[in-house]
N, C-alpha and C. Protein backbone atom coordinates (compact mmCIF):
# COMPACT_ATOMS: atom_id res chain seq x y z
N MET A 1 0.83 -1.18 0.00
CA MET A 1 0.00 0.00 0.00
C MET A 1 0.88 1.24 0.00
N GLN A 2 0.60 2.15 -0.92
CA GLN A 2 1.39 3.35 -1.01
C GLN A 2 0.88 4.40 -0.04
N LYS A 3 1.80 5.15 0.54
CA LYS A 3 1.42 6.27 1.40
C LYS A 3 1.81 7.55 0.69
N TYR A 4 0.97 8.55 0.83
CA TYR A 4 1.20 9.82 0.17
C TYR A 4 1.63 10.85 1.21
N ILE A 5 2.65 11.59 0.87
CA ILE A 5 3.14 12.58 1.82
C ILE A 5 2.84 14.01 1.40
N LYS A 6 2.60 14.22 0.14
CA LYS A 6 2.39 15.57 -0.33
C LYS A 6 1.30 15.54 -1.38
N LYS A 7 0.47 16.53 -1.36
CA LYS A 7 -0.64 16.55 -2.30
C LYS A 7 -0.60 17.84 -3.08
N LYS A 8 -0.72 17.73 -4.38
CA LYS A 8 -0.83 18.90 -5.23
C LYS A 8 -2.30 19.03 -5.59
N VAL A 9 -2.96 19.99 -4.98
CA VAL A 9 -4.39 20.14 -5.15
C VAL A 9 -4.66 21.02 -6.37
N SER A 10 -5.54 20.53 -7.19
CA SER A 10 -5.95 21.33 -8.34
C SER A 10 -7.46 21.44 -8.31
N LYS A 11 -7.96 22.56 -8.78
CA LYS A 11 -9.41 22.76 -8.83
C LYS A 11 -10.01 21.87 -9.90
N MET A 12 -11.25 21.50 -9.67
CA MET A 12 -12.01 20.79 -10.69
C MET A 12 -12.23 21.78 -11.83
N PRO A 13 -12.27 21.31 -13.07
CA PRO A 13 -12.52 22.22 -14.18
C PRO A 13 -13.84 22.96 -13.99
N GLY A 14 -13.79 24.27 -14.08
CA GLY A 14 -15.00 25.08 -13.94
C GLY A 14 -15.39 25.35 -12.50
N ASP A 15 -14.60 24.88 -11.52
CA ASP A 15 -14.93 25.08 -10.11
C ASP A 15 -14.53 26.49 -9.71
N THR A 16 -15.51 27.26 -9.27
CA THR A 16 -15.22 28.64 -8.88
C THR A 16 -15.32 28.83 -7.39
N ASN A 17 -15.76 27.82 -6.65
CA ASN A 17 -15.94 27.96 -5.22
C ASN A 17 -14.63 27.71 -4.48
N THR A 18 -14.30 28.62 -3.55
CA THR A 18 -13.17 28.42 -2.66
C THR A 18 -13.67 28.58 -1.24
N LYS A 19 -12.80 28.39 -0.26
CA LYS A 19 -13.22 28.44 1.14
C LYS A 19 -13.99 29.72 1.49
N ASN A 20 -13.53 30.83 1.01
CA ASN A 20 -14.11 32.10 1.44
C ASN A 20 -15.19 32.63 0.51
N GLU A 21 -15.56 31.88 -0.50
CA GLU A 21 -16.57 32.35 -1.43
C GLU A 21 -17.96 31.98 -0.96
N ARG A 22 -18.94 32.24 -1.79
CA ARG A 22 -20.36 32.16 -1.48
C ARG A 22 -20.77 30.88 -0.77
N LEU A 23 -20.44 29.70 -1.28
CA LEU A 23 -20.91 28.46 -0.69
C LEU A 23 -20.09 28.02 0.51
N GLY A 24 -18.81 28.34 0.54
CA GLY A 24 -17.97 27.99 1.68
C GLY A 24 -17.74 26.49 1.79
N GLU A 25 -17.10 26.08 2.88
CA GLU A 25 -16.76 24.67 3.09
C GLU A 25 -17.87 23.90 3.80
N GLU A 26 -18.83 24.59 4.40
CA GLU A 26 -19.82 23.89 5.20
C GLU A 26 -20.77 23.02 4.39
N ASN A 27 -20.84 23.20 3.10
CA ASN A 27 -21.76 22.39 2.30
C ASN A 27 -21.03 21.32 1.49
N ILE A 28 -19.84 20.93 1.92
CA ILE A 28 -19.07 19.90 1.23
C ILE A 28 -18.89 18.71 2.15
N VAL A 29 -19.15 17.50 1.63
CA VAL A 29 -18.94 16.26 2.38
C VAL A 29 -17.84 15.49 1.66
N TYR A 30 -16.73 15.26 2.34
CA TYR A 30 -15.61 14.52 1.78
C TYR A 30 -15.77 13.04 2.14
N VAL A 31 -15.84 12.17 1.14
CA VAL A 31 -16.05 10.75 1.37
C VAL A 31 -14.69 10.05 1.46
N GLY A 32 -14.56 9.19 2.48
CA GLY A 32 -13.31 8.48 2.70
C GLY A 32 -13.54 7.04 3.12
N LYS A 33 -12.95 6.64 4.24
CA LYS A 33 -12.96 5.24 4.67
C LYS A 33 -14.09 4.88 5.63
N LYS A 34 -14.81 5.85 6.14
CA LYS A 34 -15.89 5.55 7.09
C LYS A 34 -17.03 4.83 6.39
N PRO A 35 -17.94 4.25 7.17
CA PRO A 35 -19.10 3.57 6.56
C PRO A 35 -19.95 4.54 5.74
N THR A 36 -20.57 4.01 4.71
CA THR A 36 -21.36 4.82 3.77
C THR A 36 -22.44 5.62 4.49
N MET A 37 -23.12 5.03 5.45
CA MET A 37 -24.22 5.71 6.11
C MET A 37 -23.78 6.95 6.90
N ASN A 38 -22.53 7.00 7.33
CA ASN A 38 -22.01 8.21 7.98
C ASN A 38 -22.09 9.40 7.02
N TYR A 39 -21.72 9.18 5.77
CA TYR A 39 -21.73 10.25 4.79
C TYR A 39 -23.16 10.58 4.35
N VAL A 40 -24.02 9.57 4.29
CA VAL A 40 -25.44 9.81 3.98
C VAL A 40 -26.03 10.73 5.05
N LEU A 41 -25.76 10.42 6.32
CA LEU A 41 -26.25 11.23 7.42
C LEU A 41 -25.70 12.66 7.33
N ALA A 42 -24.44 12.80 6.97
CA ALA A 42 -23.84 14.13 6.84
C ALA A 42 -24.54 14.95 5.76
N VAL A 43 -24.84 14.34 4.63
CA VAL A 43 -25.52 15.05 3.53
C VAL A 43 -26.93 15.44 3.95
N VAL A 44 -27.68 14.50 4.52
CA VAL A 44 -29.06 14.78 4.94
C VAL A 44 -29.07 15.88 6.01
N THR A 45 -28.13 15.83 6.93
CA THR A 45 -28.03 16.85 7.98
C THR A 45 -27.78 18.23 7.38
N GLN A 46 -26.92 18.31 6.37
CA GLN A 46 -26.65 19.59 5.71
C GLN A 46 -27.93 20.18 5.12
N PHE A 47 -28.70 19.35 4.44
CA PHE A 47 -29.94 19.84 3.84
C PHE A 47 -30.95 20.23 4.93
N ASN A 48 -31.04 19.45 5.99
CA ASN A 48 -31.98 19.76 7.07
C ASN A 48 -31.60 21.01 7.85
N SER A 49 -30.33 21.41 7.78
CA SER A 49 -29.89 22.62 8.46
C SER A 49 -30.02 23.86 7.58
N GLY A 50 -30.62 23.70 6.40
CA GLY A 50 -30.93 24.86 5.57
C GLY A 50 -30.11 25.04 4.31
N GLN A 51 -29.17 24.16 4.04
CA GLN A 51 -28.37 24.29 2.81
C GLN A 51 -29.26 24.06 1.59
N LYS A 52 -29.03 24.83 0.54
CA LYS A 52 -29.77 24.66 -0.71
C LYS A 52 -29.08 23.66 -1.63
N ALA A 53 -27.76 23.49 -1.46
CA ALA A 53 -26.99 22.56 -2.27
C ALA A 53 -25.86 21.97 -1.42
N VAL A 54 -25.53 20.71 -1.67
CA VAL A 54 -24.45 20.03 -0.96
C VAL A 54 -23.59 19.31 -1.99
N THR A 55 -22.28 19.43 -1.83
CA THR A 55 -21.34 18.79 -2.74
C THR A 55 -20.69 17.60 -2.06
N ILE A 56 -20.66 16.47 -2.74
CA ILE A 56 -20.02 15.25 -2.27
C ILE A 56 -18.72 15.10 -3.06
N LYS A 57 -17.59 15.03 -2.35
CA LYS A 57 -16.29 14.90 -3.02
C LYS A 57 -15.59 13.63 -2.57
N ALA A 58 -14.90 12.99 -3.52
CA ALA A 58 -14.12 11.78 -3.20
C ALA A 58 -13.03 11.61 -4.25
N ARG A 59 -12.06 10.79 -3.91
CA ARG A 59 -11.03 10.45 -4.89
C ARG A 59 -10.57 9.01 -4.68
N GLY A 60 -10.02 8.46 -5.73
CA GLY A 60 -9.51 7.09 -5.68
C GLY A 60 -10.59 6.05 -5.44
N LYS A 61 -10.32 5.14 -4.52
CA LYS A 61 -11.24 4.04 -4.24
C LYS A 61 -12.55 4.51 -3.63
N ALA A 62 -12.60 5.70 -3.08
CA ALA A 62 -13.82 6.22 -2.44
C ALA A 62 -14.83 6.75 -3.44
N ILE A 63 -14.49 6.80 -4.71
CA ILE A 63 -15.41 7.33 -5.72
C ILE A 63 -16.69 6.51 -5.77
N SER A 64 -16.58 5.20 -5.74
CA SER A 64 -17.78 4.37 -5.80
C SER A 64 -18.65 4.57 -4.56
N LYS A 65 -18.03 4.81 -3.41
CA LYS A 65 -18.78 5.07 -2.19
C LYS A 65 -19.51 6.42 -2.29
N ALA A 66 -18.89 7.41 -2.93
CA ALA A 66 -19.53 8.71 -3.11
C ALA A 66 -20.79 8.58 -3.98
N VAL A 67 -20.70 7.77 -5.02
CA VAL A 67 -21.87 7.53 -5.87
C VAL A 67 -22.95 6.80 -5.08
N ASP A 68 -22.56 5.84 -4.24
CA ASP A 68 -23.52 5.15 -3.38
C ASP A 68 -24.21 6.13 -2.43
N VAL A 69 -23.45 7.05 -1.86
CA VAL A 69 -24.01 8.06 -0.96
C VAL A 69 -25.07 8.88 -1.68
N LYS A 70 -24.74 9.33 -2.87
CA LYS A 70 -25.69 10.12 -3.66
C LYS A 70 -26.96 9.33 -3.94
N GLU A 71 -26.83 8.09 -4.35
CA GLU A 71 -27.99 7.27 -4.68
C GLU A 71 -28.85 6.99 -3.46
N ILE A 72 -28.24 6.70 -2.32
CA ILE A 72 -29.01 6.44 -1.11
C ILE A 72 -29.76 7.69 -0.66
N VAL A 73 -29.08 8.83 -0.68
CA VAL A 73 -29.73 10.08 -0.26
C VAL A 73 -30.93 10.38 -1.15
N VAL A 74 -30.74 10.29 -2.47
CA VAL A 74 -31.82 10.65 -3.41
C VAL A 74 -32.93 9.61 -3.42
N ASN A 75 -32.61 8.33 -3.39
CA ASN A 75 -33.63 7.29 -3.51
C ASN A 75 -34.33 6.93 -2.22
N LYS A 76 -33.67 7.07 -1.07
CA LYS A 76 -34.26 6.63 0.19
C LYS A 76 -34.69 7.77 1.12
N PHE A 77 -33.92 8.85 1.17
CA PHE A 77 -34.17 9.88 2.17
C PHE A 77 -34.78 11.17 1.63
N MET A 78 -34.30 11.66 0.51
CA MET A 78 -34.74 12.96 0.01
C MET A 78 -34.99 12.88 -1.49
N PRO A 79 -36.12 12.29 -1.90
CA PRO A 79 -36.39 12.12 -3.34
C PRO A 79 -36.62 13.43 -4.10
N ASP A 80 -36.80 14.54 -3.38
CA ASP A 80 -36.99 15.82 -4.05
C ASP A 80 -35.69 16.46 -4.50
N LEU A 81 -34.55 15.85 -4.19
CA LEU A 81 -33.25 16.39 -4.60
C LEU A 81 -32.96 16.04 -6.06
N VAL A 82 -32.18 16.90 -6.71
CA VAL A 82 -31.74 16.64 -8.07
C VAL A 82 -30.22 16.70 -8.11
N SER A 83 -29.64 15.93 -9.01
CA SER A 83 -28.20 15.98 -9.22
C SER A 83 -27.90 17.17 -10.12
N LYS A 84 -27.41 18.23 -9.52
CA LYS A 84 -27.20 19.50 -10.22
C LYS A 84 -25.95 19.46 -11.11
N ASP A 85 -24.91 18.80 -10.62
CA ASP A 85 -23.64 18.83 -11.34
C ASP A 85 -22.80 17.62 -10.94
N MET A 86 -22.02 17.10 -11.88
CA MET A 86 -21.10 16.01 -11.60
C MET A 86 -19.82 16.26 -12.40
N LYS A 87 -18.70 16.34 -11.70
CA LYS A 87 -17.42 16.61 -12.36
C LYS A 87 -16.42 15.53 -11.98
N SER A 88 -15.55 15.22 -12.92
CA SER A 88 -14.47 14.29 -12.62
C SER A 88 -13.15 14.95 -13.04
N SER A 89 -12.10 14.57 -12.35
CA SER A 89 -10.78 15.12 -12.66
C SER A 89 -9.73 14.14 -12.14
N SER A 90 -8.49 14.52 -12.23
CA SER A 90 -7.41 13.73 -11.63
C SER A 90 -6.47 14.69 -10.91
N GLU A 91 -5.88 14.17 -9.84
CA GLU A 91 -4.94 14.94 -9.04
C GLU A 91 -3.62 14.20 -9.00
N GLU A 92 -2.55 14.95 -8.93
CA GLU A 92 -1.22 14.35 -8.89
C GLU A 92 -0.71 14.37 -7.45
N LEU A 93 -0.33 13.18 -6.95
CA LEU A 93 0.19 13.04 -5.60
C LEU A 93 1.63 12.56 -5.65
N THR A 94 2.41 12.94 -4.65
CA THR A 94 3.79 12.48 -4.55
C THR A 94 3.86 11.40 -3.48
N ASN A 95 4.37 10.23 -3.83
CA ASN A 95 4.51 9.11 -2.89
C ASN A 95 5.69 9.35 -1.96
N GLU A 96 5.80 8.50 -0.92
CA GLU A 96 6.91 8.59 0.02
C GLU A 96 8.26 8.44 -0.68
N ASP A 97 8.31 7.60 -1.72
CA ASP A 97 9.58 7.37 -2.42
C ASP A 97 9.88 8.44 -3.47
N GLY A 98 9.03 9.46 -3.56
CA GLY A 98 9.28 10.57 -4.47
C GLY A 98 8.64 10.44 -5.84
N THR A 99 8.07 9.28 -6.14
CA THR A 99 7.41 9.11 -7.43
C THR A 99 6.04 9.79 -7.40
N LYS A 100 5.56 10.13 -8.56
CA LYS A 100 4.27 10.81 -8.64
C LYS A 100 3.21 9.86 -9.19
N SER A 101 2.01 9.99 -8.64
CA SER A 101 0.88 9.17 -9.08
C SER A 101 -0.31 10.06 -9.37
N LYS A 102 -1.10 9.67 -10.34
CA LYS A 102 -2.34 10.38 -10.62
C LYS A 102 -3.49 9.61 -9.99
N VAL A 103 -4.39 10.34 -9.33
CA VAL A 103 -5.54 9.76 -8.66
C VAL A 103 -6.79 10.44 -9.19
N SER A 104 -7.78 9.64 -9.56
CA SER A 104 -9.04 10.18 -10.05
C SER A 104 -9.83 10.80 -8.90
N ALA A 105 -10.65 11.81 -9.23
CA ALA A 105 -11.48 12.48 -8.23
C ALA A 105 -12.85 12.74 -8.85
N ILE A 106 -13.86 12.84 -7.98
CA ILE A 106 -15.22 13.14 -8.41
C ILE A 106 -15.84 14.16 -7.49
N GLN A 107 -16.74 14.95 -8.04
CA GLN A 107 -17.45 15.97 -7.29
C GLN A 107 -18.91 15.92 -7.74
N ILE A 108 -19.82 15.60 -6.83
CA ILE A 108 -21.24 15.50 -7.15
C ILE A 108 -21.99 16.56 -6.36
N THR A 109 -22.76 17.40 -7.03
CA THR A 109 -23.52 18.43 -6.36
C THR A 109 -25.00 18.10 -6.40
N LEU A 110 -25.62 18.02 -5.22
CA LEU A 110 -27.04 17.79 -5.09
C LEU A 110 -27.71 19.09 -4.68
N ALA A 111 -28.91 19.35 -5.21
CA ALA A 111 -29.62 20.58 -4.88
C ALA A 111 -31.10 20.30 -4.69
N LYS A 112 -31.73 21.15 -3.92
CA LYS A 112 -33.18 21.03 -3.74
C LYS A 112 -33.85 21.50 -5.02
N SER A 113 -34.88 20.78 -5.45
CA SER A 113 -35.55 21.16 -6.70
C SER A 113 -36.63 22.20 -6.46
């Protein structure tokens, strides 16, 4: 298993949101190694707290879990949501041994209809 020590972050194509802009970081759910339902709960909680749109982000092996989160939220909990936007990209990471690897990333935006 490779470990990454440095990350070169690049914006998704067409992504205009940054930490201090209109949407901020509070409406983003980063999907990782936790159980899928943790992320489903995070998305539903964001909408219940008044957010108009929530973005689900993941990279690498977590991409399939991010898609699962979106499907569970829309099909089981909040059928009035629509998939507003879906973007994919790749990011370049530097491994511990100094070699560089490209990792796929996805960004799914759900919005109230």
